[in-house]
Amino acid sequence: MPTSESTQSKGVELGVDWEQTSCPLCGADQPHLMLTGPDRLLGLPGTFRLVQCGDCGHAYLNPRPTQETIGAYYPPEYAPYHAPDDAAAKPQTTAAKRVGPLRRCLRWFLDPQGEFIPPLTQSPRRALEIGCADGWFLERLKTQGWEVSGVEFSPDAVATAQQRGLDVQLGTLESANLPENHFDAVFLWMVLEHLHDPQATLREIHRILKPDGWLMFSVPNFGAWDRRFFGRFWYALDLPRHLQHFTPRTVKRLLSETGFETDRIIYQRTANNLVGSLGYWWRDRFPNSRLAATLIRHCDAPRTGLVLLLAIPAKVWAWLRQGGGLTVVARPKTDSLTSSDSAE
């Protein structure tokens, strides 16, 4: 498949290099074009191609920015580098601030990570977050008694986390060179879809995780109905930053092939993708629409009223396994650990 000349020429403006790739999940070279689209979130230059593997069905960006130059698409203002300004964490109405039950209700409905943290049954327990941004989740773990460490790609986010007194390294998991069998839990919240080689990352996690440890991560649900309905306007496409697009089936395959077994998949109770997709669709028709801007802005700073309005539909979609985000809980395979020990 030829590299898009439009994409390459636009990428030059940012100093981005491009590469072709086979399927990151199965290695097959049978890409079928699904759609093309721009960077709708930040408006950075380029037109990007999303393809689907003809062998395993995994969807991925191809061509894609190289690992060395993709940072041009992650400016400091990129929202995930900062603590979420959600309606549960910072209620935006006087009533929500005053009424404790309403605040707890909002947090239950938003539930961005599926709220799964393994029980702290002994001390110390070591946790690592990959892609920890400015450390807001690590601080939460720390208050619950965990010893925390982080790895982050953004220098600005790392600086903020370190100012908070957190042990956060700049770089990738592979460059961090962490000790084997060291961590009780590893977290990646909306990170795996950004990685060039998710298999390599999960294998490295398997190496540093204790045999009885926990792996928790979240990804957008590419199998959700709103993705099929909105197509190129789906909010969680986030081209070109999302290099991988997972479904429950492809997540299970990825885990199995990297030495993990799936403990559970939680379908998140969130309507953010629906709201953001509506915003993109409306903005495409009415470029100067204030309504479109409000809908898109909601995804980074949810408004209490809209959260409550969509709370019941979001819960129903999650119950039907159509939630826009997946929280995945996995454990190292017992048989893989046994074979590894016997090989030694």
C-alpha atoms as a PDB file:
ATOM      1  CA  MET A   1       0.000   0.000   0.000  1.00  0.00           C
ATOM      2  CA  PRO A   2       1.599   3.303  -1.018  1.00  0.00           C
ATOM      3  CA  THR A   3       2.249   5.952   1.569  1.00  0.00           C
ATOM      4  CA  SER A   4      -0.212   8.841   1.252  1.00  0.00           C
ATOM      5  CA  GLU A   5       1.609  11.771  -0.388  1.00  0.00           C
ATOM      6  CA  SER A   6      -0.798  14.165   1.334  1.00  0.00           C
ATOM      7  CA  THR A   7       0.010  12.703   4.728  1.00  0.00           C
ATOM      8  CA  GLN A   8       3.751  12.775   4.107  1.00  0.00           C
ATOM      9  CA  SER A   9       3.795  16.327   2.766  1.00  0.00           C
ATOM     10  CA  LYS A  10       1.697  17.621   5.647  1.00  0.00           C
ATOM     11  CA  GLY A  11       3.840  15.729   8.158  1.00  0.00           C
ATOM     12  CA  VAL A  12       6.937  17.500   6.874  1.00  0.00           C
ATOM     13  CA  GLU A  13       5.520  20.713   8.360  1.00  0.00           C
ATOM     14  CA  LEU A  14       5.903  19.104  11.806  1.00  0.00           C
ATOM     15  CA  GLY A  15       9.149  17.262  11.079  1.00  0.00           C
ATOM     16  CA  VAL A  16       7.387  13.884  11.107  1.00  0.00           C
ATOM     17  CA  ASP A  17       8.716  10.764   9.365  1.00  0.00           C
ATOM     18  CA  TRP A  18       6.344   8.018   8.219  1.00  0.00           C
ATOM     19  CA  GLU A  19       6.599   4.248   8.072  1.00  0.00           C
ATOM     20  CA  GLN A  20       4.575   1.367   6.681  1.00  0.00           C
ATOM     21  CA  THR A  21       3.763  -1.460   9.075  1.00  0.00           C
ATOM     22  CA  SER A  22       2.340  -4.952   8.985  1.00  0.00           C
ATOM     23  CA  CYS A  23      -0.406  -5.847  11.468  1.00  0.00           C
ATOM     24  CA  PRO A  24       0.939  -5.138  14.989  1.00  0.00           C
ATOM     25  CA  LEU A  25      -1.210  -7.961  16.372  1.00  0.00           C
ATOM     26  CA  CYS A  26      -0.607 -10.930  14.034  1.00  0.00           C
ATOM     27  CA  GLY A  27       2.138  -9.735  11.671  1.00  0.00           C
ATOM     28  CA  ALA A  28       0.110 -10.260   8.493  1.00  0.00           C
ATOM     29  CA  ASP A  29       0.476  -7.786   5.635  1.00  0.00           C
ATOM     30  CA  GLN A  30      -3.117  -7.733   4.371  1.00  0.00           C
ATOM     31  CA  PRO A  31      -4.371  -4.197   5.124  1.00  0.00           C
ATOM     32  CA  HIS A  32      -7.805  -3.135   3.891  1.00  0.00           C
ATOM     33  CA  LEU A  33      -8.626   0.573   3.989  1.00  0.00           C
ATOM     34  CA  MET A  34     -11.418   1.417   6.447  1.00  0.00           C
ATOM     35  CA  LEU A  35     -11.370   5.224   6.376  1.00  0.00           C
ATOM     36  CA  THR A  36      -9.242   8.329   6.060  1.00  0.00           C
ATOM     37  CA  GLY A  37      -9.478  11.387   8.261  1.00  0.00           C
ATOM     38  CA  PRO A  38      -7.749  14.439   9.748  1.00  0.00           C
ATOM     39  CA  ASP A  39      -6.627  15.241  13.276  1.00  0.00           C
ATOM     40  CA  ARG A  40     -10.059  16.379  14.501  1.00  0.00           C
ATOM     41  CA  LEU A  41      -9.003  16.894  18.111  1.00  0.00           C
ATOM     42  CA  LEU A  42      -6.046  19.268  17.724  1.00  0.00           C
ATOM     43  CA  GLY A  43      -6.248  20.200  14.035  1.00  0.00           C
ATOM     44  CA  LEU A  44      -2.594  19.359  13.346  1.00  0.00           C
ATOM     45  CA  PRO A  45      -1.595  18.766   9.699  1.00  0.00           C
ATOM     46  CA  GLY A  46      -2.174  15.512   7.839  1.00  0.00           C
ATOM     47  CA  THR A  47      -4.723  13.087   6.444  1.00  0.00           C
ATOM     48  CA  PHE A  48      -4.459   9.641   8.003  1.00  0.00           C
ATOM     49  CA  ARG A  49      -5.425   6.120   6.935  1.00  0.00           C
ATOM     50  CA  LEU A  50      -7.048   3.564   9.217  1.00  0.00           C
ATOM     51  CA  VAL A  51      -6.776   0.002   7.902  1.00  0.00           C
ATOM     52  CA  GLN A  52      -8.022  -3.383   9.067  1.00  0.00           C
ATOM     53  CA  CYS A  53      -5.997  -6.585   8.947  1.00  0.00           C
ATOM     54  CA  GLY A  54      -7.502  -9.079   6.508  1.00  0.00           C
ATOM     55  CA  ASP A  55      -6.232 -11.938   8.671  1.00  0.00           C
ATOM     56  CA  CYS A  56      -7.062 -11.164  12.323  1.00  0.00           C
ATOM     57  CA  GLY A  57      -9.368  -8.130  11.949  1.00  0.00           C
ATOM     58  CA  HIS A  58      -7.254  -5.750  14.048  1.00  0.00           C
ATOM     59  CA  ALA A  59      -7.571  -2.068  13.043  1.00  0.00           C
ATOM     60  CA  TYR A  60      -4.476   0.147  12.988  1.00  0.00           C
ATOM     61  CA  LEU A  61      -3.002   3.316  11.493  1.00  0.00           C
ATOM     62  CA  ASN A  62      -0.955   2.719   8.324  1.00  0.00           C
ATOM     63  CA  PRO A  63       1.249   4.487   7.415  1.00  0.00           C
ATOM     64  CA  ARG A  64       2.047   5.901  10.826  1.00  0.00           C
ATOM     65  CA  PRO A  65       4.478   8.427  12.313  1.00  0.00           C
ATOM     66  CA  THR A  66       7.710   6.829  13.475  1.00  0.00           C
ATOM     67  CA  GLN A  67       8.274   6.384  17.189  1.00  0.00           C
ATOM     68  CA  GLU A  68      11.071   8.959  17.056  1.00  0.00           C
ATOM     69  CA  THR A  69       8.914  11.712  15.495  1.00  0.00           C
ATOM     70  CA  ILE A  70       5.328  11.061  16.651  1.00  0.00           C
ATOM     71  CA  GLY A  71       5.886  13.439  19.577  1.00  0.00           C
ATOM     72  CA  ALA A  72       5.057  16.302  17.197  1.00  0.00           C
ATOM     73  CA  TYR A  73       1.410  15.235  17.508  1.00  0.00           C
ATOM     74  CA  TYR A  74       1.539  15.463  21.329  1.00  0.00           C
ATOM     75  CA  PRO A  75       1.832  19.164  22.226  1.00  0.00           C
ATOM     76  CA  PRO A  76       1.972  20.130  25.929  1.00  0.00           C
ATOM     77  CA  GLU A  77      -1.717  21.126  25.890  1.00  0.00           C
ATOM     78  CA  TYR A  78      -2.784  17.568  24.968  1.00  0.00           C
ATOM     79  CA  ALA A  79      -5.498  16.915  27.564  1.00  0.00           C
ATOM     80  CA  PRO A  80      -4.494  13.407  28.773  1.00  0.00           C
ATOM     81  CA  TYR A  81      -1.205  14.833  30.082  1.00  0.00           C
ATOM     82  CA  HIS A  82      -3.194  16.537  32.838  1.00  0.00           C
ATOM     83  CA  ALA A  83      -5.521  15.467  35.628  1.00  0.00           C
ATOM     84  CA  PRO A  84      -9.072  14.882  34.371  1.00  0.00           C
ATOM     85  CA  ASP A  85     -11.376  17.821  34.960  1.00  0.00           C
ATOM     86  CA  ASP A  86     -14.464  15.627  35.202  1.00  0.00           C
ATOM     87  CA  ALA A  87     -17.797  16.336  36.766  1.00  0.00           C
ATOM     88  CA  ALA A  88     -17.203  13.807  39.500  1.00  0.00           C
ATOM     89  CA  ALA A  89     -13.796  15.062  40.554  1.00  0.00           C
ATOM     90  CA  LYS A  90     -14.772  18.724  40.243  1.00  0.00           C
ATOM     91  CA  PRO A  91     -18.556  19.074  40.210  1.00  0.00           C
ATOM     92  CA  GLN A  92     -19.522  22.157  38.219  1.00  0.00           C
ATOM     93  CA  THR A  93     -22.806  23.055  39.838  1.00  0.00           C
ATOM     94  CA  THR A  94     -23.414  24.458  43.307  1.00  0.00           C
ATOM     95  CA  ALA A  95     -25.784  21.597  44.044  1.00  0.00           C
ATOM     96  CA  ALA A  96     -23.178  18.991  43.162  1.00  0.00           C
ATOM     97  CA  LYS A  97     -20.651  20.704  45.425  1.00  0.00           C
ATOM     98  CA  ARG A  98     -23.081  20.788  48.336  1.00  0.00           C
ATOM     99  CA  VAL A  99     -24.700  17.378  48.050  1.00  0.00           C
ATOM    100  CA  GLY A 100     -22.392  14.450  48.765  1.00  0.00           C
ATOM    101  CA  PRO A 101     -24.722  11.765  47.337  1.00  0.00           C
ATOM    102  CA  LEU A 102     -24.943  13.630  44.008  1.00  0.00           C
ATOM    103  CA  ARG A 103     -21.164  13.809  43.801  1.00  0.00           C
ATOM    104  CA  ARG A 104     -20.860  10.076  44.510  1.00  0.00           C
ATOM    105  CA  CYS A 105     -23.583   9.385  41.954  1.00  0.00           C
ATOM    106  CA  LEU A 106     -21.692  11.346  39.293  1.00  0.00           C
ATOM    107  CA  ARG A 107     -18.461   9.475  40.027  1.00  0.00           C
ATOM    108  CA  TRP A 108     -20.292   6.137  39.765  1.00  0.00           C
ATOM    109  CA  PHE A 109     -21.782   7.083  36.396  1.00  0.00           C
ATOM    110  CA  LEU A 110     -18.542   8.475  34.946  1.00  0.00           C
ATOM    111  CA  ASP A 111     -16.371   5.616  36.190  1.00  0.00           C
ATOM    112  CA  PRO A 112     -13.574   6.318  33.677  1.00  0.00           C
ATOM    113  CA  GLN A 113     -11.220   3.499  34.684  1.00  0.00           C
ATOM    114  CA  GLY A 114     -13.827   0.983  35.753  1.00  0.00           C
ATOM    115  CA  GLU A 115     -12.652   1.737  39.304  1.00  0.00           C
ATOM    116  CA  PHE A 116     -10.725  -1.541  39.665  1.00  0.00           C
ATOM    117  CA  ILE A 117      -7.751  -1.389  42.018  1.00  0.00           C
ATOM    118  CA  PRO A 118      -6.491  -4.680  43.499  1.00  0.00           C
ATOM    119  CA  PRO A 119      -6.917  -5.043  47.269  1.00  0.00           C
ATOM    120  CA  LEU A 120      -3.954  -3.974  49.381  1.00  0.00           C
ATOM    121  CA  THR A 121      -3.552  -7.259  51.269  1.00  0.00           C
ATOM    122  CA  GLN A 122       0.045  -6.734  52.359  1.00  0.00           C
ATOM    123  CA  SER A 123       2.526  -3.908  52.722  1.00  0.00           C
ATOM    124  CA  PRO A 124       4.427  -2.719  50.862  1.00  0.00           C
ATOM    125  CA  ARG A 125       2.687  -3.268  47.530  1.00  0.00           C
ATOM    126  CA  ARG A 126       4.403  -1.818  44.470  1.00  0.00           C
ATOM    127  CA  ALA A 127       2.434  -0.280  41.607  1.00  0.00           C
ATOM    128  CA  LEU A 128       3.661   1.018  38.264  1.00  0.00           C
ATOM    129  CA  GLU A 129       1.660   3.238  35.937  1.00  0.00           C
ATOM    130  CA  ILE A 130       2.782   3.430  32.306  1.00  0.00           C
ATOM    131  CA  GLY A 131       1.791   6.703  30.674  1.00  0.00           C
ATOM    132  CA  CYS A 132       1.116   8.261  34.067  1.00  0.00           C
ATOM    133  CA  ALA A 133       0.772  11.851  32.738  1.00  0.00           C
ATOM    134  CA  ASP A 134       1.209  14.339  35.595  1.00  0.00           C
ATOM    135  CA  GLY A 135       0.750  11.666  38.260  1.00  0.00           C
ATOM    136  CA  TRP A 136      -2.858  12.228  39.349  1.00  0.00           C
ATOM    137  CA  PHE A 137      -3.668   8.485  39.466  1.00  0.00           C
ATOM    138  CA  LEU A 138      -0.377   7.641  41.187  1.00  0.00           C
ATOM    139  CA  GLU A 139      -1.273  10.129  43.917  1.00  0.00           C
ATOM    140  CA  ARG A 140      -4.582   8.345  44.370  1.00  0.00           C
ATOM    141  CA  LEU A 141      -2.804   4.988  44.730  1.00  0.00           C
ATOM    142  CA  LYS A 142      -0.288   6.496  47.144  1.00  0.00           C
ATOM    143  CA  THR A 143      -3.044   7.708  49.464  1.00  0.00           C
ATOM    144  CA  GLN A 144      -4.310   4.105  49.556  1.00  0.00           C
ATOM    145  CA  GLY A 145      -0.958   2.800  50.783  1.00  0.00           C
ATOM    146  CA  TRP A 146       0.767   1.736  47.564  1.00  0.00           C
ATOM    147  CA  GLU A 147       4.438   2.337  46.741  1.00  0.00           C
ATOM    148  CA  VAL A 148       4.150   4.002  43.338  1.00  0.00           C
ATOM    149  CA  SER A 149       6.340   4.527  40.279  1.00  0.00           C
ATOM    150  CA  GLY A 150       5.570   5.852  36.816  1.00  0.00           C
ATOM    151  CA  VAL A 151       6.873   6.093  33.266  1.00  0.00           C
ATOM    152  CA  GLU A 152       5.784   8.955  30.990  1.00  0.00           C
ATOM    153  CA  PHE A 153       6.528  10.104  27.432  1.00  0.00           C
ATOM    154  CA  SER A 154       5.937  13.857  27.947  1.00  0.00           C
ATOM    155  CA  PRO A 155       8.772  15.904  29.532  1.00  0.00           C
ATOM    156  CA  ASP A 156       6.310  18.547  30.790  1.00  0.00           C
ATOM    157  CA  ALA A 157       4.072  15.946  32.438  1.00  0.00           C
ATOM    158  CA  VAL A 158       7.093  14.243  34.035  1.00  0.00           C
ATOM    159  CA  ALA A 159       8.271  17.566  35.451  1.00  0.00           C
ATOM    160  CA  THR A 160       4.848  18.163  37.034  1.00  0.00           C
ATOM    161  CA  ALA A 161       4.744  14.652  38.499  1.00  0.00           C
ATOM    162  CA  GLN A 162       8.227  15.005  39.956  1.00  0.00           C
ATOM    163  CA  GLN A 163       7.278  18.354  41.494  1.00  0.00           C
ATOM    164  CA  ARG A 164       4.570  16.403  43.332  1.00  0.00           C
ATOM    165  CA  GLY A 165       7.289  14.186  44.790  1.00  0.00           C
ATOM    166  CA  LEU A 166       6.451  11.166  42.636  1.00  0.00           C
ATOM    167  CA  ASP A 167       8.979   8.667  41.269  1.00  0.00           C
ATOM    168  CA  VAL A 168       8.357   9.116  37.530  1.00  0.00           C
ATOM    169  CA  GLN A 169      10.851   8.396  34.741  1.00  0.00           C
ATOM    170  CA  LEU A 170      10.876  10.054  31.329  1.00  0.00           C
ATOM    171  CA  GLY A 171      10.752   7.625  28.402  1.00  0.00           C
ATOM    172  CA  THR A 172       9.184   4.285  27.553  1.00  0.00           C
ATOM    173  CA  LEU A 173       8.729   1.152  29.614  1.00  0.00           C
ATOM    174  CA  GLU A 174      11.475  -0.556  27.633  1.00  0.00           C
ATOM    175  CA  SER A 175      13.956   2.280  28.236  1.00  0.00           C
ATOM    176  CA  ALA A 176      13.206   2.322  31.990  1.00  0.00           C
ATOM    177  CA  ASN A 177      15.025  -1.026  32.502  1.00  0.00           C
ATOM    178  CA  LEU A 178      12.968  -2.014  35.549  1.00  0.00           C
ATOM    179  CA  PRO A 179      13.756  -5.089  37.697  1.00  0.00           C
ATOM    180  CA  GLU A 180      12.178  -8.485  37.047  1.00  0.00           C
ATOM    181  CA  ASN A 181       9.250  -9.776  39.172  1.00  0.00           C
ATOM    182  CA  HIS A 182       9.126  -6.441  41.001  1.00  0.00           C
ATOM    183  CA  PHE A 183       5.592  -5.024  40.783  1.00  0.00           C
ATOM    184  CA  ASP A 184       2.323  -6.217  42.293  1.00  0.00           C
ATOM    185  CA  ALA A 185       0.218  -4.189  39.857  1.00  0.00           C
ATOM    186  CA  VAL A 186       0.778  -2.408  36.552  1.00  0.00           C
ATOM    187  CA  PHE A 187      -1.697   0.147  35.178  1.00  0.00           C
ATOM    188  CA  LEU A 188      -2.084   1.661  31.694  1.00  0.00           C
ATOM    189  CA  TRP A 189      -5.082   3.993  31.388  1.00  0.00           C
ATOM    190  CA  MET A 190      -5.835   4.744  27.727  1.00  0.00           C
ATOM    191  CA  VAL A 191      -2.216   4.101  26.724  1.00  0.00           C
ATOM    192  CA  LEU A 192      -2.086   0.823  24.778  1.00  0.00           C
ATOM    193  CA  GLU A 193      -3.777   2.344  21.713  1.00  0.00           C
ATOM    194  CA  HIS A 194      -0.914   4.871  21.441  1.00  0.00           C
ATOM    195  CA  LEU A 195       1.873   2.278  21.251  1.00  0.00           C
ATOM    196  CA  HIS A 196       3.763   1.205  18.141  1.00  0.00           C
ATOM    197  CA  ASP A 197       4.374  -2.308  19.491  1.00  0.00           C
ATOM    198  CA  PRO A 198       1.808  -3.260  22.154  1.00  0.00           C
ATOM    199  CA  GLN A 199       3.027  -6.867  22.154  1.00  0.00           C
ATOM    200  CA  ALA A 200       6.549  -5.834  23.150  1.00  0.00           C
ATOM    201  CA  THR A 201       5.161  -3.646  25.943  1.00  0.00           C
ATOM    202  CA  LEU A 202       2.983  -6.421  27.363  1.00  0.00           C
ATOM    203  CA  ARG A 203       5.867  -8.891  27.255  1.00  0.00           C
ATOM    204  CA  GLU A 204       7.999  -6.427  29.208  1.00  0.00           C
ATOM    205  CA  ILE A 205       5.149  -5.982  31.708  1.00  0.00           C
ATOM    206  CA  HIS A 206       5.008  -9.763  32.075  1.00  0.00           C
ATOM    207  CA  ARG A 207       8.725  -9.735  32.916  1.00  0.00           C
ATOM    208  CA  ILE A 208       8.529  -7.043  35.620  1.00  0.00           C
ATOM    209  CA  LEU A 209       5.215  -8.208  37.131  1.00  0.00           C
ATOM    210  CA  LYS A 210       5.184 -10.670  40.016  1.00  0.00           C
ATOM    211  CA  PRO A 211       3.743 -14.121  39.178  1.00  0.00           C
ATOM    212  CA  ASP A 212       0.636 -13.332  41.244  1.00  0.00           C
ATOM    213  CA  GLY A 213       0.457  -9.714  40.053  1.00  0.00           C
ATOM    214  CA  TRP A 214      -2.296  -7.773  38.332  1.00  0.00           C
ATOM    215  CA  LEU A 215      -2.387  -5.970  34.993  1.00  0.00           C
ATOM    216  CA  MET A 216      -5.095  -3.310  34.533  1.00  0.00           C
ATOM    217  CA  PHE A 217      -5.563  -1.182  31.445  1.00  0.00           C
ATOM    218  CA  SER A 218      -8.231   0.655  29.511  1.00  0.00           C
ATOM    219  CA  VAL A 219      -8.706   1.205  25.779  1.00  0.00           C
ATOM    220  CA  PRO A 220     -11.470   2.680  23.616  1.00  0.00           C
ATOM    221  CA  ASN A 221     -13.931   0.008  22.472  1.00  0.00           C
ATOM    222  CA  PHE A 222     -13.611  -0.160  18.674  1.00  0.00           C
ATOM    223  CA  GLY A 223     -16.405  -2.735  18.687  1.00  0.00           C
ATOM    224  CA  ALA A 224     -18.949  -0.326  20.209  1.00  0.00           C
ATOM    225  CA  TRP A 225     -22.085   0.588  18.294  1.00  0.00           C
ATOM    226  CA  ASP A 226     -21.284   4.313  18.311  1.00  0.00           C
ATOM    227  CA  ARG A 227     -18.049   3.636  16.392  1.00  0.00           C
ATOM    228  CA  ARG A 228     -19.972   1.781  13.699  1.00  0.00           C
ATOM    229  CA  PHE A 229     -22.614   4.513  13.588  1.00  0.00           C
ATOM    230  CA  PHE A 230     -20.338   7.576  13.480  1.00  0.00           C
ATOM    231  CA  GLY A 231     -17.520   6.071  11.394  1.00  0.00           C
ATOM    232  CA  ARG A 232     -14.917   8.729  10.558  1.00  0.00           C
ATOM    233  CA  PHE A 233     -16.477  11.105  13.123  1.00  0.00           C
ATOM    234  CA  TRP A 234     -16.032   8.694  16.048  1.00  0.00           C
ATOM    235  CA  TYR A 235     -14.427  10.690  18.845  1.00  0.00           C
ATOM    236  CA  ALA A 236     -12.069   7.933  20.031  1.00  0.00           C
ATOM    237  CA  LEU A 237     -10.393   7.515  16.640  1.00  0.00           C
ATOM    238  CA  ASP A 238      -8.057  10.369  17.671  1.00  0.00           C
ATOM    239  CA  LEU A 239      -5.999  10.149  14.479  1.00  0.00           C
ATOM    240  CA  PRO A 240      -2.997   9.992  14.342  1.00  0.00           C
ATOM    241  CA  ARG A 241      -2.291   9.476  18.065  1.00  0.00           C
ATOM    242  CA  HIS A 242      -4.315   6.274  18.349  1.00  0.00           C
ATOM    243  CA  LEU A 243      -2.223   3.793  16.385  1.00  0.00           C
ATOM    244  CA  GLN A 244      -4.191   0.714  17.518  1.00  0.00           C
ATOM    245  CA  HIS A 245      -7.953   0.150  17.782  1.00  0.00           C
ATOM    246  CA  PHE A 246      -8.989  -2.774  19.967  1.00  0.00           C
ATOM    247  CA  THR A 247     -12.150  -4.823  20.380  1.00  0.00           C
ATOM    248  CA  PRO A 248     -12.768  -7.270  23.241  1.00  0.00           C
ATOM    249  CA  ARG A 249     -11.766 -10.106  20.894  1.00  0.00           C
ATOM    250  CA  THR A 250      -8.464  -8.565  19.809  1.00  0.00           C
ATOM    251  CA  VAL A 251      -7.648  -7.566  23.401  1.00  0.00           C
ATOM    252  CA  LYS A 252      -8.041 -11.189  24.517  1.00  0.00           C
ATOM    253  CA  ARG A 253      -5.834 -12.380  21.663  1.00  0.00           C
ATOM    254  CA  LEU A 254      -3.143  -9.826  22.512  1.00  0.00           C
ATOM    255  CA  LEU A 255      -3.139 -10.871  26.166  1.00  0.00           C
ATOM    256  CA  SER A 256      -3.019 -14.578  25.381  1.00  0.00           C
ATOM    257  CA  GLU A 257      -0.074 -14.178  23.008  1.00  0.00           C
ATOM    258  CA  THR A 258       1.943 -12.193  25.565  1.00  0.00           C
ATOM    259  CA  GLY A 259       1.567 -14.565  28.518  1.00  0.00           C
ATOM    260  CA  PHE A 260      -1.595 -13.255  30.208  1.00  0.00           C
ATOM    261  CA  GLU A 261      -5.059 -14.583  30.819  1.00  0.00           C
ATOM    262  CA  THR A 262      -8.067 -12.269  30.857  1.00  0.00           C
ATOM    263  CA  ASP A 263      -9.633 -12.045  34.302  1.00  0.00           C
ATOM    264  CA  ARG A 264     -12.472  -9.715  33.308  1.00  0.00           C
ATOM    265  CA  ILE A 265     -13.478  -7.002  30.860  1.00  0.00           C
ATOM    266  CA  ILE A 266     -15.504  -4.095  32.247  1.00  0.00           C
ATOM    267  CA  TYR A 267     -17.582  -2.037  29.809  1.00  0.00           C
ATOM    268  CA  GLN A 268     -17.275   1.537  31.026  1.00  0.00           C
ATOM    269  CA  ARG A 269     -20.330   3.614  31.891  1.00  0.00           C
ATOM    270  CA  THR A 270     -19.435   6.632  29.796  1.00  0.00           C
ATOM    271  CA  ALA A 271     -21.152   8.496  26.971  1.00  0.00           C
ATOM    272  CA  ASN A 272     -18.137  10.697  26.166  1.00  0.00           C
ATOM    273  CA  ASN A 273     -17.510   9.089  22.784  1.00  0.00           C
ATOM    274  CA  LEU A 274     -21.142   9.630  21.813  1.00  0.00           C
ATOM    275  CA  VAL A 275     -21.079  13.296  22.841  1.00  0.00           C
ATOM    276  CA  GLY A 276     -17.726  13.995  21.187  1.00  0.00           C
ATOM    277  CA  SER A 277     -18.756  12.179  17.999  1.00  0.00           C
ATOM    278  CA  LEU A 278     -21.917  14.265  17.783  1.00  0.00           C
ATOM    279  CA  GLY A 279     -19.740  17.346  18.189  1.00  0.00           C
ATOM    280  CA  TYR A 280     -17.415  16.335  15.347  1.00  0.00           C
ATOM    281  CA  TRP A 281     -20.344  15.450  13.081  1.00  0.00           C
ATOM    282  CA  TRP A 282     -22.099  18.765  13.809  1.00  0.00           C
ATOM    283  CA  ARG A 283     -18.907  20.797  13.362  1.00  0.00           C
ATOM    284  CA  ASP A 284     -18.328  19.178   9.943  1.00  0.00           C
ATOM    285  CA  ARG A 285     -21.687  20.597   8.829  1.00  0.00           C
ATOM    286  CA  PHE A 286     -21.561  23.873  10.749  1.00  0.00           C
ATOM    287  CA  PRO A 287     -17.869  24.790  11.251  1.00  0.00           C
ATOM    288  CA  ASN A 288     -18.553  27.817  13.477  1.00  0.00           C
ATOM    289  CA  SER A 289     -21.195  26.150  15.636  1.00  0.00           C
ATOM    290  CA  ARG A 290     -20.977  26.932  19.353  1.00  0.00           C
ATOM    291  CA  LEU A 291     -23.013  23.790  20.060  1.00  0.00           C
ATOM    292  CA  ALA A 292     -20.376  21.625  18.359  1.00  0.00           C
ATOM    293  CA  ALA A 293     -17.615  23.284  20.382  1.00  0.00           C
ATOM    294  CA  THR A 294     -19.562  22.706  23.608  1.00  0.00           C
ATOM    295  CA  LEU A 295     -20.121  19.023  22.833  1.00  0.00           C
ATOM    296  CA  ILE A 296     -16.448  18.447  22.011  1.00  0.00           C
ATOM    297  CA  ARG A 297     -15.280  20.367  25.086  1.00  0.00           C
ATOM    298  CA  HIS A 298     -17.552  18.188  27.252  1.00  0.00           C
ATOM    299  CA  CYS A 299     -15.252  15.193  26.691  1.00  0.00           C
ATOM    300  CA  ASP A 300     -12.412  16.888  28.594  1.00  0.00           C
ATOM    301  CA  ALA A 301     -14.584  18.725  31.131  1.00  0.00           C
ATOM    302  CA  PRO A 302     -17.967  16.978  31.469  1.00  0.00           C
ATOM    303  CA  ARG A 303     -20.884  19.175  32.472  1.00  0.00           C
ATOM    304  CA  THR A 304     -22.978  17.869  35.341  1.00  0.00           C
ATOM    305  CA  GLY A 305     -26.313  18.293  33.577  1.00  0.00           C
ATOM    306  CA  LEU A 306     -25.223  16.432  30.465  1.00  0.00           C
ATOM    307  CA  VAL A 307     -23.689  13.635  32.535  1.00  0.00           C
ATOM    308  CA  LEU A 308     -26.973  13.146  34.393  1.00  0.00           C
ATOM    309  CA  LEU A 309     -28.982  13.320  31.161  1.00  0.00           C
ATOM    310  CA  LEU A 310     -26.906  10.540  29.593  1.00  0.00           C
ATOM    311  CA  ALA A 311     -26.308   8.498  32.746  1.00  0.00           C
ATOM    312  CA  ILE A 312     -29.058   5.934  32.206  1.00  0.00           C
ATOM    313  CA  PRO A 313     -28.330   5.373  28.474  1.00  0.00           C
ATOM    314  CA  ALA A 314     -24.613   5.012  29.297  1.00  0.00           C
ATOM    315  CA  LYS A 315     -25.410   2.394  31.941  1.00  0.00           C
ATOM    316  CA  VAL A 316     -27.640   0.504  29.485  1.00  0.00           C
ATOM    317  CA  TRP A 317     -24.957   0.561  26.768  1.00  0.00           C
ATOM    318  CA  ALA A 318     -22.420  -0.817  29.249  1.00  0.00           C
ATOM    319  CA  TRP A 319     -24.868  -3.554  30.285  1.00  0.00           C
ATOM    320  CA  LEU A 320     -25.313  -4.454  26.581  1.00  0.00           C
ATOM    321  CA  ARG A 321     -21.501  -4.608  26.233  1.00  0.00           C
ATOM    322  CA  GLN A 322     -21.490  -1.564  23.982  1.00  0.00           C
ATOM    323  CA  GLY A 323     -19.707   0.850  26.330  1.00  0.00           C
ATOM    324  CA  GLY A 324     -17.316   3.220  24.581  1.00  0.00           C
ATOM    325  CA  GLY A 325     -14.371   2.194  26.778  1.00  0.00           C
ATOM    326  CA  LEU A 326     -13.032  -1.126  28.052  1.00  0.00           C
ATOM    327  CA  THR A 327     -11.309  -1.691  31.385  1.00  0.00           C
ATOM    328  CA  VAL A 328      -9.352  -4.939  31.218  1.00  0.00           C
ATOM    329  CA  VAL A 329      -8.066  -6.928  34.186  1.00  0.00           C
ATOM    330  CA  ALA A 330      -5.516  -9.683  33.517  1.00  0.00           C
ATOM    331  CA  ARG A 331      -3.140 -12.010  35.367  1.00  0.00           C
ATOM    332  CA  PRO A 332       0.030 -13.813  34.244  1.00  0.00           C
ATOM    333  CA  LYS A 333      -0.767 -17.261  32.860  1.00  0.00           C
ATOM    334  CA  THR A 334       0.121 -20.045  35.263  1.00  0.00           C
ATOM    335  CA  ASP A 335       1.234 -22.373  32.471  1.00  0.00           C
ATOM    336  CA  SER A 336       3.477 -19.709  30.893  1.00  0.00           C
ATOM    337  CA  LEU A 337       5.175 -19.124  34.233  1.00  0.00           C
ATOM    338  CA  THR A 338       5.663 -22.843  34.779  1.00  0.00           C
ATOM    339  CA  SER A 339       7.152 -23.324  31.280  1.00  0.00           C
ATOM    340  CA  SER A 340       9.441 -20.345  31.815  1.00  0.00           C
ATOM    341  CA  ASP A 341      10.700 -21.799  35.112  1.00  0.00           C
ATOM    342  CA  SER A 342      11.304 -25.247  33.599  1.00  0.00           C
ATOM    343  CA  ALA A 343      13.167 -23.716  30.640  1.00  0.00           C
ATOM    344  CA  GLU A 344      15.596 -22.104  33.048  1.00  0.00           C
END
